[in-house]
Amino acid sequence: MKPYYAHNAERLAQQYGSVTFEEVHGALLDLLPQGTATALDVGAGTGRDAAALARRGYRVVAAEPVREMRDVAQRLHPGGNIHWVEDSLPELPRIDGTFDVVLLSAVWMHLPPAARGRAMERLAALLAPAGLLMLSLRRGAPPPDRVMFDVPAEEVARDGERAGLRLVRLVEEGADRLGRAEVRWQTVALRNPLRKGEE
């Protein structure tokens, strides 16, 4: 998996940057917190979403396992409120604290079935009280050049509920914004229902 992204980091940066954060995640923007917040972008790639969250005034931790992708991201989006970390699911061992927003944009489909429950538990533990978990899911037949799984949103929602999260929204995004006929998208928003003082 990593060699594909390492070899294609520059090309992917152009591809990912051809659509905006607002275009990709528009169906969930009204759920994002207003004002100062903390955000974790898991599988942050070349930094489009991390940079957009930082522009909203959030303090962002961007976790990306591929060095070449991090290098491109930091060149394209210097400074700001982004702290880059070499880390990946299912364990995310280098991530500390909790976050008001945790974002996985086109990441979940890389996790094999045996890792998904553990990954969801870890993500739930990283959510602050009332924190929001946003996942965009690439649907359709996996491409031959990468290890990928077609994971339905309903499965993600069930895993989230088992981890103590509440389904807030499930969106059928439909057609791929990059024009790939074989790809469609779903988006899932889950929330940590626990508030301070609750068990």
C-alpha atoms as a PDB file:
ATOM      1  CA  MET A   1       0.000   0.000   0.000  1.00  0.00           C
ATOM      2  CA  LYS A   2       2.635   2.539   1.041  1.00  0.00           C
ATOM      3  CA  PRO A   3       4.769   2.142  -2.141  1.00  0.00           C
ATOM      4  CA  TYR A   4       1.846   3.188  -4.358  1.00  0.00           C
ATOM      5  CA  TYR A   5       1.285   6.401  -2.405  1.00  0.00           C
ATOM      6  CA  ALA A   6       4.996   7.104  -2.002  1.00  0.00           C
ATOM      7  CA  HIS A   7       5.623   6.745  -5.735  1.00  0.00           C
ATOM      8  CA  ASN A   8       2.572   8.808  -6.744  1.00  0.00           C
ATOM      9  CA  ALA A   9       2.617  11.530  -4.068  1.00  0.00           C
ATOM     10  CA  GLU A  10       3.084  14.456  -6.459  1.00  0.00           C
ATOM     11  CA  ARG A  11       0.440  13.256  -8.924  1.00  0.00           C
ATOM     12  CA  LEU A  12      -2.013  12.499  -6.127  1.00  0.00           C
ATOM     13  CA  ALA A  13      -1.513  15.960  -4.654  1.00  0.00           C
ATOM     14  CA  GLN A  14      -2.689  17.483  -7.940  1.00  0.00           C
ATOM     15  CA  GLN A  15      -5.600  15.043  -8.155  1.00  0.00           C
ATOM     16  CA  TYR A  16      -6.766  15.524  -4.560  1.00  0.00           C
ATOM     17  CA  GLY A  17      -6.285  19.274  -4.779  1.00  0.00           C
ATOM     18  CA  SER A  18      -8.547  19.530  -7.817  1.00  0.00           C
ATOM     19  CA  VAL A  19     -11.584  19.326  -5.508  1.00  0.00           C
ATOM     20  CA  THR A  20     -11.996  21.365  -2.345  1.00  0.00           C
ATOM     21  CA  PHE A  21     -12.666  20.269   1.219  1.00  0.00           C
ATOM     22  CA  GLU A  22     -16.031  22.005   0.980  1.00  0.00           C
ATOM     23  CA  GLU A  23     -16.970  20.116  -2.195  1.00  0.00           C
ATOM     24  CA  VAL A  24     -15.958  16.749  -0.761  1.00  0.00           C
ATOM     25  CA  HIS A  25     -17.449  17.159   2.729  1.00  0.00           C
ATOM     26  CA  GLY A  26     -20.262  19.601   2.017  1.00  0.00           C
ATOM     27  CA  ALA A  27     -22.986  17.321   3.359  1.00  0.00           C
ATOM     28  CA  LEU A  28     -21.441  17.433   6.840  1.00  0.00           C
ATOM     29  CA  LEU A  29     -20.153  21.004   7.118  1.00  0.00           C
ATOM     30  CA  ASP A  30     -23.105  22.096   9.259  1.00  0.00           C
ATOM     31  CA  LEU A  31     -22.066  19.521  11.893  1.00  0.00           C
ATOM     32  CA  LEU A  32     -18.597  20.999  12.404  1.00  0.00           C
ATOM     33  CA  PRO A  33     -18.023  22.996  15.600  1.00  0.00           C
ATOM     34  CA  GLN A  34     -17.841  26.769  15.417  1.00  0.00           C
ATOM     35  CA  GLY A  35     -14.813  28.631  16.718  1.00  0.00           C
ATOM     36  CA  THR A  36     -11.760  27.068  18.314  1.00  0.00           C
ATOM     37  CA  ALA A  37     -11.638  23.285  18.187  1.00  0.00           C
ATOM     38  CA  THR A  38      -9.187  20.403  17.895  1.00  0.00           C
ATOM     39  CA  ALA A  39      -9.170  18.097  14.878  1.00  0.00           C
ATOM     40  CA  LEU A  40      -7.426  14.880  13.898  1.00  0.00           C
ATOM     41  CA  ASP A  41      -7.083  14.079  10.191  1.00  0.00           C
ATOM     42  CA  VAL A  42      -6.283  10.361   9.888  1.00  0.00           C
ATOM     43  CA  GLY A  43      -4.627   9.377   6.630  1.00  0.00           C
ATOM     44  CA  ALA A  44      -4.165  13.056   5.884  1.00  0.00           C
ATOM     45  CA  GLY A  45      -2.463  12.439   2.540  1.00  0.00           C
ATOM     46  CA  THR A  46      -1.281  15.629   0.890  1.00  0.00           C
ATOM     47  CA  GLY A  47      -2.989  17.875   3.401  1.00  0.00           C
ATOM     48  CA  ARG A  48      -6.022  19.351   1.627  1.00  0.00           C
ATOM     49  CA  ASP A  49      -8.428  18.597   4.480  1.00  0.00           C
ATOM     50  CA  ALA A  50      -5.977  19.338   7.300  1.00  0.00           C
ATOM     51  CA  ALA A  51      -5.303  22.748   5.774  1.00  0.00           C
ATOM     52  CA  ALA A  52      -9.023  23.469   5.405  1.00  0.00           C
ATOM     53  CA  LEU A  53      -9.653  22.567   9.044  1.00  0.00           C
ATOM     54  CA  ALA A  54      -6.743  24.788  10.111  1.00  0.00           C
ATOM     55  CA  ARG A  55      -8.249  27.675   8.112  1.00  0.00           C
ATOM     56  CA  ARG A  56     -11.396  27.241  10.196  1.00  0.00           C
ATOM     57  CA  GLY A  57      -9.305  28.029  13.253  1.00  0.00           C
ATOM     58  CA  TYR A  58      -8.906  24.457  14.464  1.00  0.00           C
ATOM     59  CA  ARG A  59      -5.698  23.077  15.942  1.00  0.00           C
ATOM     60  CA  VAL A  60      -5.049  20.096  13.664  1.00  0.00           C
ATOM     61  CA  VAL A  61      -3.049  16.911  14.080  1.00  0.00           C
ATOM     62  CA  ALA A  62      -2.492  15.266  10.682  1.00  0.00           C
ATOM     63  CA  ALA A  63      -1.576  11.577  10.831  1.00  0.00           C
ATOM     64  CA  GLU A  64      -0.062  10.184   7.622  1.00  0.00           C
ATOM     65  CA  PRO A  65       2.132   7.054   7.424  1.00  0.00           C
ATOM     66  CA  VAL A  66       3.760   7.779   4.044  1.00  0.00           C
ATOM     67  CA  ARG A  67       6.763  10.115   4.283  1.00  0.00           C
ATOM     68  CA  GLU A  68       6.516  11.277   0.665  1.00  0.00           C
ATOM     69  CA  MET A  69       2.893  12.315   1.187  1.00  0.00           C
ATOM     70  CA  ARG A  70       3.801  14.232   4.357  1.00  0.00           C
ATOM     71  CA  ASP A  71       6.657  15.960   2.525  1.00  0.00           C
ATOM     72  CA  VAL A  72       4.341  17.127  -0.248  1.00  0.00           C
ATOM     73  CA  ALA A  73       1.688  18.189   2.266  1.00  0.00           C
ATOM     74  CA  GLN A  74       4.081  20.287   4.317  1.00  0.00           C
ATOM     75  CA  ARG A  75       5.404  21.966   1.171  1.00  0.00           C
ATOM     76  CA  LEU A  76       1.876  22.758  -0.087  1.00  0.00           C
ATOM     77  CA  HIS A  77       0.513  23.818   3.307  1.00  0.00           C
ATOM     78  CA  PRO A  78       3.355  25.342   5.349  1.00  0.00           C
ATOM     79  CA  GLY A  79       2.841  26.763   8.799  1.00  0.00           C
ATOM     80  CA  GLY A  80      -0.607  27.123  10.207  1.00  0.00           C
ATOM     81  CA  ASN A  81      -2.084  25.093  13.019  1.00  0.00           C
ATOM     82  CA  ILE A  82      -1.092  21.673  11.620  1.00  0.00           C
ATOM     83  CA  HIS A  83       1.132  19.211  13.472  1.00  0.00           C
ATOM     84  CA  TRP A  84       2.212  16.312  11.244  1.00  0.00           C
ATOM     85  CA  VAL A  85       2.676  12.822  12.714  1.00  0.00           C
ATOM     86  CA  GLU A  86       3.826   9.569  11.120  1.00  0.00           C
ATOM     87  CA  ASP A  87       1.063   7.215  12.272  1.00  0.00           C
ATOM     88  CA  SER A  88      -1.705   4.955  11.016  1.00  0.00           C
ATOM     89  CA  LEU A  89      -4.706   2.862  11.978  1.00  0.00           C
ATOM     90  CA  PRO A  90      -5.721   0.618  13.593  1.00  0.00           C
ATOM     91  CA  GLU A  91      -3.655   1.610  16.639  1.00  0.00           C
ATOM     92  CA  LEU A  92      -2.550   5.240  16.059  1.00  0.00           C
ATOM     93  CA  PRO A  93       0.018   4.799  18.874  1.00  0.00           C
ATOM     94  CA  ARG A  94       1.551   8.270  18.476  1.00  0.00           C
ATOM     95  CA  ILE A  95      -1.688  10.201  18.908  1.00  0.00           C
ATOM     96  CA  ASP A  96      -2.469  11.575  22.366  1.00  0.00           C
ATOM     97  CA  GLY A  97      -5.423  13.427  23.825  1.00  0.00           C
ATOM     98  CA  THR A  98      -8.928  13.806  22.476  1.00  0.00           C
ATOM     99  CA  PHE A  99     -10.366  15.767  19.568  1.00  0.00           C
ATOM    100  CA  ASP A 100     -13.561  17.618  18.766  1.00  0.00           C
ATOM    101  CA  VAL A 101     -13.416  16.363  15.159  1.00  0.00           C
ATOM    102  CA  VAL A 102     -11.823  13.215  13.763  1.00  0.00           C
ATOM    103  CA  LEU A 103     -11.807  12.954   9.959  1.00  0.00           C
ATOM    104  CA  LEU A 104     -11.080   9.954   7.745  1.00  0.00           C
ATOM    105  CA  SER A 105     -11.366  10.943   4.107  1.00  0.00           C
ATOM    106  CA  ALA A 106     -11.078   7.916   1.780  1.00  0.00           C
ATOM    107  CA  VAL A 107      -9.160   5.920   4.402  1.00  0.00           C
ATOM    108  CA  TRP A 108     -11.466   3.280   5.885  1.00  0.00           C
ATOM    109  CA  MET A 109     -11.495   1.178   2.693  1.00  0.00           C
ATOM    110  CA  HIS A 110      -7.807   0.368   3.235  1.00  0.00           C
ATOM    111  CA  LEU A 111      -8.481  -1.456   6.513  1.00  0.00           C
ATOM    112  CA  PRO A 112      -8.928  -5.232   6.354  1.00  0.00           C
ATOM    113  CA  PRO A 113     -12.058  -6.598   8.062  1.00  0.00           C
ATOM    114  CA  ALA A 114     -10.149  -7.938  11.075  1.00  0.00           C
ATOM    115  CA  ALA A 115      -8.766  -4.476  11.879  1.00  0.00           C
ATOM    116  CA  ARG A 116     -11.940  -2.401  11.592  1.00  0.00           C
ATOM    117  CA  GLY A 117     -13.468  -3.090  15.002  1.00  0.00           C
ATOM    118  CA  ARG A 118     -10.205  -2.295  16.784  1.00  0.00           C
ATOM    119  CA  ALA A 119      -9.746   0.827  14.672  1.00  0.00           C
ATOM    120  CA  MET A 120     -13.242   2.067  15.508  1.00  0.00           C
ATOM    121  CA  GLU A 121     -12.648   1.521  19.229  1.00  0.00           C
ATOM    122  CA  ARG A 122      -9.459   3.581  18.960  1.00  0.00           C
ATOM    123  CA  LEU A 123     -11.219   6.381  17.088  1.00  0.00           C
ATOM    124  CA  ALA A 124     -14.039   6.438  19.640  1.00  0.00           C
ATOM    125  CA  ALA A 125     -11.459   6.771  22.423  1.00  0.00           C
ATOM    126  CA  LEU A 126      -9.924   9.773  20.638  1.00  0.00           C
ATOM    127  CA  LEU A 127     -13.215  11.692  20.493  1.00  0.00           C
ATOM    128  CA  ALA A 128     -13.820  14.407  23.044  1.00  0.00           C
ATOM    129  CA  PRO A 129     -17.246  14.576  24.703  1.00  0.00           C
ATOM    130  CA  ALA A 130     -19.750  15.302  21.916  1.00  0.00           C
ATOM    131  CA  GLY A 131     -16.899  14.881  19.410  1.00  0.00           C
ATOM    132  CA  LEU A 132     -17.691  14.212  15.742  1.00  0.00           C
ATOM    133  CA  LEU A 133     -16.247  11.368  13.636  1.00  0.00           C
ATOM    134  CA  MET A 134     -16.529  11.892   9.865  1.00  0.00           C
ATOM    135  CA  LEU A 135     -15.731   9.110   7.382  1.00  0.00           C
ATOM    136  CA  SER A 136     -15.979   9.226   3.592  1.00  0.00           C
ATOM    137  CA  LEU A 137     -16.187   5.795   1.979  1.00  0.00           C
ATOM    138  CA  ARG A 138     -15.117   4.922  -1.542  1.00  0.00           C
ATOM    139  CA  ARG A 139     -17.572   2.368  -2.931  1.00  0.00           C
ATOM    140  CA  GLY A 140     -17.239   0.112  -5.949  1.00  0.00           C
ATOM    141  CA  ALA A 141     -14.811  -2.542  -7.119  1.00  0.00           C
ATOM    142  CA  PRO A 142     -11.333  -2.029  -5.633  1.00  0.00           C
ATOM    143  CA  PRO A 143      -8.627  -0.959  -8.102  1.00  0.00           C
ATOM    144  CA  PRO A 144      -6.064  -3.613  -9.070  1.00  0.00           C
ATOM    145  CA  ASP A 145      -3.030  -1.538  -8.034  1.00  0.00           C
ATOM    146  CA  ARG A 146      -3.921  -1.145  -4.319  1.00  0.00           C
ATOM    147  CA  VAL A 147      -5.287  -3.210  -1.448  1.00  0.00           C
ATOM    148  CA  MET A 148      -8.768  -1.859  -0.898  1.00  0.00           C
ATOM    149  CA  PHE A 149     -12.136  -3.088   0.352  1.00  0.00           C
ATOM    150  CA  ASP A 150     -15.677  -2.087  -0.562  1.00  0.00           C
ATOM    151  CA  VAL A 151     -17.095  -1.229   2.890  1.00  0.00           C
ATOM    152  CA  PRO A 152     -20.763  -0.154   3.121  1.00  0.00           C
ATOM    153  CA  ALA A 153     -21.720   2.765   5.320  1.00  0.00           C
ATOM    154  CA  GLU A 154     -24.138   0.581   7.277  1.00  0.00           C
ATOM    155  CA  GLU A 155     -21.231  -1.596   8.445  1.00  0.00           C
ATOM    156  CA  VAL A 156     -19.305   1.480   9.579  1.00  0.00           C
ATOM    157  CA  ALA A 157     -22.348   2.746  11.469  1.00  0.00           C
ATOM    158  CA  ARG A 158     -22.743  -0.628  13.226  1.00  0.00           C
ATOM    159  CA  ASP A 159     -19.059  -0.672  14.198  1.00  0.00           C
ATOM    160  CA  GLY A 160     -19.430   2.847  15.533  1.00  0.00           C
ATOM    161  CA  GLU A 161     -22.475   1.979  17.605  1.00  0.00           C
ATOM    162  CA  ARG A 162     -20.633  -1.015  19.086  1.00  0.00           C
ATOM    163  CA  ALA A 163     -17.871   1.417  20.096  1.00  0.00           C
ATOM    164  CA  GLY A 164     -20.407   3.647  21.851  1.00  0.00           C
ATOM    165  CA  LEU A 165     -20.930   6.216  19.099  1.00  0.00           C
ATOM    166  CA  ARG A 166     -24.246   7.472  17.768  1.00  0.00           C
ATOM    167  CA  LEU A 167     -25.053   7.718  14.056  1.00  0.00           C
ATOM    168  CA  VAL A 168     -25.766  11.345  13.188  1.00  0.00           C
ATOM    169  CA  ARG A 169     -25.920  11.219   9.402  1.00  0.00           C
ATOM    170  CA  LEU A 170     -25.451   8.806   6.501  1.00  0.00           C
ATOM    171  CA  VAL A 171     -25.165  10.459   3.096  1.00  0.00           C
ATOM    172  CA  GLU A 172     -25.280   8.865  -0.339  1.00  0.00           C
ATOM    173  CA  GLU A 173     -22.830  11.143  -2.121  1.00  0.00           C
ATOM    174  CA  GLY A 174     -23.231   9.324  -5.420  1.00  0.00           C
ATOM    175  CA  ALA A 175     -20.935  10.008  -8.373  1.00  0.00           C
ATOM    176  CA  ASP A 176     -17.204  10.466  -8.001  1.00  0.00           C
ATOM    177  CA  ARG A 177     -16.097  14.115  -8.197  1.00  0.00           C
ATOM    178  CA  LEU A 178     -12.979  13.082 -10.127  1.00  0.00           C
ATOM    179  CA  GLY A 179     -15.119  11.563 -12.877  1.00  0.00           C
ATOM    180  CA  ARG A 180     -14.344   7.882 -12.264  1.00  0.00           C
ATOM    181  CA  ALA A 181     -17.406   6.015 -13.473  1.00  0.00           C
ATOM    182  CA  GLU A 182     -16.664   2.919 -11.392  1.00  0.00           C
ATOM    183  CA  VAL A 183     -16.484   4.844  -8.099  1.00  0.00           C
ATOM    184  CA  ARG A 184     -19.230   6.264  -5.885  1.00  0.00           C
ATOM    185  CA  TRP A 185     -19.119   7.665  -2.349  1.00  0.00           C
ATOM    186  CA  GLN A 186     -20.932   7.438   0.948  1.00  0.00           C
ATOM    187  CA  THR A 187     -20.306   9.582   4.019  1.00  0.00           C
ATOM    188  CA  VAL A 188     -20.945   8.658   7.649  1.00  0.00           C
ATOM    189  CA  ALA A 189     -21.024  11.002  10.647  1.00  0.00           C
ATOM    190  CA  LEU A 190     -20.910   9.537  14.155  1.00  0.00           C
ATOM    191  CA  ARG A 191     -20.881  11.372  17.461  1.00  0.00           C
ATOM    192  CA  ASN A 192     -19.583  10.568  20.910  1.00  0.00           C
ATOM    193  CA  PRO A 193     -22.724  11.047  23.023  1.00  0.00           C
ATOM    194  CA  LEU A 194     -20.846  11.315  26.302  1.00  0.00           C
ATOM    195  CA  ARG A 195     -20.570  14.759  27.802  1.00  0.00           C
ATOM    196  CA  LYS A 196     -18.421  15.850  30.700  1.00  0.00           C
ATOM    197  CA  GLY A 197     -19.597  14.314  33.939  1.00  0.00           C
ATOM    198  CA  GLU A 198     -21.400  11.421  32.229  1.00  0.00           C
ATOM    199  CA  GLU A 199     -20.311   7.811  32.423  1.00  0.00           C
END
